[in-house]
Amino acid sequence: MTNKGWKNKNGTSNRTCNCGSWKNHWINNSGEKWPARCSILGCNNSATLGAHIINNNVSGEYIVPACDSCNKLISEFDLKGRIKLVSANKQKTCQQ
């Protein structure tokens, strides 16, 4: 999967899942520990939430660890290397 050309998905702030939070959703479905830093390239802030992201070249919507500032980016951004993308599709993850 590509690390380039991602955008925040608008209108997701009211979405919920059985995990309790999108941070927990990422932890429960990634098989990894929550990272200390934001997943967005060039950002060194603490990762505090699970951000919904999309890419025109990739099918689906994904959750990545991000900081509050990057979760509000309007422009396109790139992800750091080796970021685990977790599907935001609850039917494929936490509501099985």
N, C-alpha and C. Protein backbone atom coordinates (compact mmCIF):
# COMPACT_ATOMS: atom_id res chain seq x y z
N MET A 1 0.84 -1.18 0.00
CA MET A 1 0.00 0.00 0.00
C MET A 1 0.89 1.24 0.00
N THR A 2 0.40 2.30 -0.54
CA THR A 2 1.20 3.52 -0.68
C THR A 2 1.20 4.38 0.58
N ASN A 3 2.26 5.10 0.79
CA ASN A 3 2.34 6.05 1.90
C ASN A 3 2.04 7.47 1.44
N LYS A 4 1.85 7.66 0.13
CA LYS A 4 1.66 8.99 -0.43
C LYS A 4 0.20 9.28 -0.78
N GLY A 5 -0.16 10.56 -0.70
CA GLY A 5 -1.46 11.01 -1.20
C GLY A 5 -2.67 10.74 -0.32
N TRP A 6 -2.51 10.77 0.99
CA TRP A 6 -3.62 10.52 1.91
C TRP A 6 -4.32 11.82 2.28
N LYS A 7 -5.58 11.70 2.67
CA LYS A 7 -6.38 12.84 3.15
C LYS A 7 -7.21 12.38 4.32
N ASN A 8 -7.56 13.34 5.18
CA ASN A 8 -8.50 13.03 6.25
C ASN A 8 -9.89 12.88 5.66
N LYS A 9 -10.64 11.92 6.19
CA LYS A 9 -12.03 11.72 5.78
C LYS A 9 -12.89 12.68 6.60
N ASN A 10 -13.65 13.51 5.92
CA ASN A 10 -14.51 14.47 6.61
C ASN A 10 -15.76 13.81 7.16
N GLY A 11 -16.32 14.40 8.20
CA GLY A 11 -17.61 13.96 8.72
C GLY A 11 -17.58 12.69 9.54
N THR A 12 -16.45 12.38 10.16
CA THR A 12 -16.35 11.12 10.92
C THR A 12 -16.38 11.32 12.43
N SER A 13 -16.47 12.55 12.90
CA SER A 13 -16.35 12.81 14.34
C SER A 13 -17.44 12.16 15.18
N ASN A 14 -18.60 11.90 14.61
CA ASN A 14 -19.69 11.28 15.37
C ASN A 14 -19.73 9.77 15.26
N ARG A 15 -18.84 9.19 14.48
CA ARG A 15 -18.83 7.74 14.30
C ARG A 15 -18.32 7.03 15.55
N THR A 16 -18.90 5.88 15.83
CA THR A 16 -18.46 5.08 16.96
C THR A 16 -18.27 3.63 16.51
N CYS A 17 -17.62 2.86 17.36
CA CYS A 17 -17.50 1.43 17.10
C CYS A 17 -17.51 0.69 18.44
N ASN A 18 -17.59 -0.63 18.38
CA ASN A 18 -17.66 -1.45 19.60
C ASN A 18 -16.39 -1.40 20.42
N CYS A 19 -15.31 -0.88 19.87
CA CYS A 19 -14.03 -0.82 20.58
C CYS A 19 -13.99 0.30 21.62
N GLY A 20 -14.93 1.24 21.54
CA GLY A 20 -14.98 2.34 22.49
C GLY A 20 -14.36 3.62 21.98
N SER A 21 -13.32 3.50 21.15
CA SER A 21 -12.69 4.66 20.51
C SER A 21 -11.97 4.16 19.27
N TRP A 22 -11.65 5.09 18.37
CA TRP A 22 -10.92 4.68 17.17
C TRP A 22 -9.47 4.38 17.50
N LYS A 23 -8.94 4.93 18.58
CA LYS A 23 -7.61 4.54 19.07
C LYS A 23 -7.65 3.07 19.48
N ASN A 24 -8.64 2.69 20.28
CA ASN A 24 -8.78 1.28 20.68
C ASN A 24 -9.03 0.38 19.48
N HIS A 25 -9.78 0.87 18.50
CA HIS A 25 -10.05 0.12 17.27
C HIS A 25 -8.73 -0.23 16.58
N TRP A 26 -7.84 0.76 16.47
CA TRP A 26 -6.54 0.52 15.83
C TRP A 26 -5.73 -0.49 16.64
N ILE A 27 -5.68 -0.31 17.97
CA ILE A 27 -4.92 -1.22 18.83
C ILE A 27 -5.47 -2.64 18.72
N ASN A 28 -6.79 -2.78 18.79
CA ASN A 28 -7.43 -4.11 18.76
C ASN A 28 -7.25 -4.83 17.43
N ASN A 29 -7.10 -4.10 16.34
CA ASN A 29 -7.07 -4.72 15.02
C ASN A 29 -5.72 -4.66 14.31
N SER A 30 -4.74 -3.98 14.90
CA SER A 30 -3.44 -3.86 14.24
C SER A 30 -2.46 -4.93 14.69
N GLY A 31 -2.66 -5.47 15.89
CA GLY A 31 -1.69 -6.40 16.44
C GLY A 31 -0.42 -5.71 16.90
N GLU A 32 -0.46 -4.39 17.04
CA GLU A 32 0.71 -3.62 17.43
C GLU A 32 0.40 -2.75 18.64
N LYS A 33 1.46 -2.27 19.29
CA LYS A 33 1.33 -1.32 20.38
C LYS A 33 1.05 0.07 19.79
N TRP A 34 0.32 0.88 20.54
CA TRP A 34 0.07 2.26 20.12
C TRP A 34 1.40 3.01 20.03
N PRO A 35 1.68 3.66 18.91
CA PRO A 35 2.96 4.36 18.76
C PRO A 35 2.99 5.66 19.56
N ALA A 36 4.17 6.09 19.91
CA ALA A 36 4.33 7.34 20.66
C ALA A 36 4.07 8.56 19.78
N ARG A 37 4.38 8.46 18.49
CA ARG A 37 4.32 9.62 17.60
C ARG A 37 3.28 9.47 16.50
N CYS A 38 2.82 10.60 16.02
CA CYS A 38 1.85 10.71 14.92
C CYS A 38 2.37 10.00 13.67
N SER A 39 1.45 9.43 12.89
CA SER A 39 1.80 8.69 11.67
C SER A 39 2.08 9.57 10.46
N ILE A 40 1.80 10.86 10.55
CA ILE A 40 1.92 11.75 9.40
C ILE A 40 3.38 12.19 9.24
N LEU A 41 3.89 12.04 8.02
CA LEU A 41 5.28 12.39 7.71
C LEU A 41 5.55 13.85 8.05
N GLY A 42 6.64 14.10 8.77
CA GLY A 42 7.02 15.46 9.14
C GLY A 42 6.46 15.91 10.48
N CYS A 43 5.60 15.11 11.11
CA CYS A 43 5.02 15.47 12.40
C CYS A 43 5.67 14.63 13.50
N ASN A 44 6.04 15.28 14.60
CA ASN A 44 6.64 14.57 15.72
C ASN A 44 5.79 14.69 16.99
N ASN A 45 4.53 15.11 16.83
CA ASN A 45 3.62 15.23 17.97
C ASN A 45 3.22 13.84 18.48
N SER A 46 2.73 13.79 19.69
CA SER A 46 2.23 12.54 20.26
C SER A 46 0.99 12.09 19.51
N ALA A 47 0.90 10.79 19.26
CA ALA A 47 -0.31 10.21 18.66
C ALA A 47 -1.36 10.09 19.75
N THR A 48 -2.48 10.78 19.59
CA THR A 48 -3.50 10.81 20.63
C THR A 48 -4.83 10.21 20.20
N LEU A 49 -5.02 10.00 18.90
CA LEU A 49 -6.32 9.51 18.43
C LEU A 49 -6.17 8.69 17.16
N GLY A 50 -7.22 7.95 16.83
CA GLY A 50 -7.27 7.21 15.58
C GLY A 50 -7.95 8.06 14.52
N ALA A 51 -7.21 8.41 13.49
CA ALA A 51 -7.73 9.29 12.43
C ALA A 51 -8.26 8.46 11.26
N HIS A 52 -9.41 8.86 10.70
CA HIS A 52 -9.97 8.25 9.50
C HIS A 52 -9.30 8.88 8.29
N ILE A 53 -8.65 8.06 7.46
CA ILE A 53 -7.99 8.59 6.27
C ILE A 53 -8.41 7.82 5.02
N ILE A 54 -8.30 8.51 3.88
CA ILE A 54 -8.65 7.93 2.58
C ILE A 54 -7.57 8.30 1.57
N ASN A 55 -7.55 7.55 0.46
CA ASN A 55 -6.59 7.80 -0.61
C ASN A 55 -7.28 7.46 -1.92
N ASN A 56 -7.19 8.34 -2.90
CA ASN A 56 -7.84 8.11 -4.20
C ASN A 56 -7.32 6.87 -4.90
N ASN A 57 -6.12 6.42 -4.55
CA ASN A 57 -5.51 5.27 -5.21
C ASN A 57 -5.65 3.97 -4.41
N VAL A 58 -6.35 4.03 -3.28
CA VAL A 58 -6.49 2.86 -2.40
C VAL A 58 -7.96 2.71 -2.05
N SER A 59 -8.48 1.51 -2.18
CA SER A 59 -9.88 1.25 -1.87
C SER A 59 -10.10 1.21 -0.36
N GLY A 60 -11.14 1.88 0.12
CA GLY A 60 -11.51 1.81 1.52
C GLY A 60 -11.06 3.00 2.34
N GLU A 61 -11.45 2.95 3.59
CA GLU A 61 -11.15 3.99 4.57
C GLU A 61 -10.38 3.33 5.70
N TYR A 62 -9.38 4.03 6.22
CA TYR A 62 -8.48 3.42 7.20
C TYR A 62 -8.31 4.29 8.44
N ILE A 63 -7.86 3.65 9.51
CA ILE A 63 -7.54 4.33 10.76
C ILE A 63 -6.03 4.27 10.96
N VAL A 64 -5.45 5.42 11.32
CA VAL A 64 -4.03 5.47 11.69
C VAL A 64 -3.88 6.31 12.95
N PRO A 65 -2.86 6.05 13.75
CA PRO A 65 -2.58 6.89 14.91
C PRO A 65 -2.15 8.29 14.46
N ALA A 66 -2.76 9.31 15.05
CA ALA A 66 -2.44 10.68 14.65
C ALA A 66 -2.57 11.63 15.84
N CYS A 67 -2.04 12.82 15.66
CA CYS A 67 -2.23 13.88 16.66
C CYS A 67 -3.47 14.68 16.27
N ASP A 68 -3.94 15.48 17.19
CA ASP A 68 -5.14 16.28 16.94
C ASP A 68 -4.93 17.25 15.78
N SER A 69 -3.76 17.86 15.70
CA SER A 69 -3.49 18.83 14.62
C SER A 69 -3.55 18.18 13.25
N CYS A 70 -2.89 17.03 13.09
CA CYS A 70 -2.89 16.36 11.79
C CYS A 70 -4.26 15.80 11.44
N ASN A 71 -5.06 15.48 12.44
CA ASN A 71 -6.41 15.00 12.20
C ASN A 71 -7.29 16.09 11.60
N LYS A 72 -6.84 17.33 11.67
CA LYS A 72 -7.61 18.46 11.14
C LYS A 72 -7.05 18.99 9.82
N LEU A 73 -5.99 18.35 9.30
CA LEU A 73 -5.40 18.80 8.03
C LEU A 73 -6.43 18.72 6.91
N ILE A 74 -6.45 19.75 6.09
CA ILE A 74 -7.34 19.77 4.93
C ILE A 74 -6.58 19.30 3.69
N SER A 75 -5.29 19.60 3.64
CA SER A 75 -4.48 19.24 2.47
C SER A 75 -4.06 17.78 2.51
N GLU A 76 -3.59 17.31 1.37
CA GLU A 76 -3.08 15.95 1.24
C GLU A 76 -1.79 15.81 2.04
N PHE A 77 -1.54 14.60 2.54
CA PHE A 77 -0.32 14.36 3.32
C PHE A 77 0.21 12.97 3.02
N ASP A 78 1.45 12.72 3.41
CA ASP A 78 2.07 11.41 3.28
C ASP A 78 2.24 10.80 4.66
N LEU A 79 2.24 9.48 4.72
CA LEU A 79 2.44 8.76 5.97
C LEU A 79 3.90 8.39 6.13
N LYS A 80 4.33 8.26 7.37
CA LYS A 80 5.67 7.76 7.65
C LYS A 80 5.77 6.31 7.18
N GLY A 81 6.96 5.82 7.02
CA GLY A 81 7.16 4.43 6.59
C GLY A 81 6.66 3.43 7.61
N ARG A 82 6.20 2.30 7.13
CA ARG A 82 5.78 1.16 7.97
C ARG A 82 4.62 1.47 8.92
N ILE A 83 3.71 2.34 8.52
CA ILE A 83 2.52 2.62 9.32
C ILE A 83 1.49 1.54 9.04
N LYS A 84 0.96 0.96 10.09
CA LYS A 84 -0.06 -0.09 9.96
C LYS A 84 -1.41 0.58 9.74
N LEU A 85 -2.02 0.30 8.59
CA LEU A 85 -3.35 0.81 8.28
C LEU A 85 -4.38 -0.22 8.73
N VAL A 86 -5.37 0.22 9.48
CA VAL A 86 -6.44 -0.66 9.94
C VAL A 86 -7.74 -0.22 9.28
N SER A 87 -8.47 -1.15 8.71
CA SER A 87 -9.73 -0.82 8.05
C SER A 87 -10.70 -0.17 9.03
N ALA A 88 -11.37 0.88 8.57
CA ALA A 88 -12.40 1.52 9.38
C ALA A 88 -13.75 0.82 9.19
N ASN A 89 -13.78 -0.18 8.32
CA ASN A 89 -15.00 -0.96 8.06
C ASN A 89 -15.27 -1.88 9.24
N LYS A 90 -16.26 -1.52 10.05
CA LYS A 90 -16.52 -2.27 11.28
C LYS A 90 -16.97 -3.71 11.01
N GLN A 91 -17.60 -3.95 9.88
CA GLN A 91 -18.02 -5.32 9.55
C GLN A 91 -16.81 -6.23 9.31
N LYS A 92 -15.68 -5.66 8.93
CA LYS A 92 -14.46 -6.45 8.70
C LYS A 92 -13.59 -6.55 9.94
N THR A 93 -13.89 -5.77 10.97
CA THR A 93 -13.01 -5.72 12.13
C THR A 93 -13.75 -6.01 13.42
N CYS A 94 -14.28 -5.00 14.07
CA CYS A 94 -14.78 -5.15 15.45
C CYS A 94 -16.22 -5.64 15.57
N GLN A 95 -16.95 -5.77 14.48
CA GLN A 95 -18.32 -6.25 14.59
C GLN A 95 -18.51 -7.59 13.91
N GLN A 96 -17.46 -8.40 13.93
CA GLN A 96 -17.54 -9.72 13.31
C GLN A 96 -18.32 -10.67 14.19
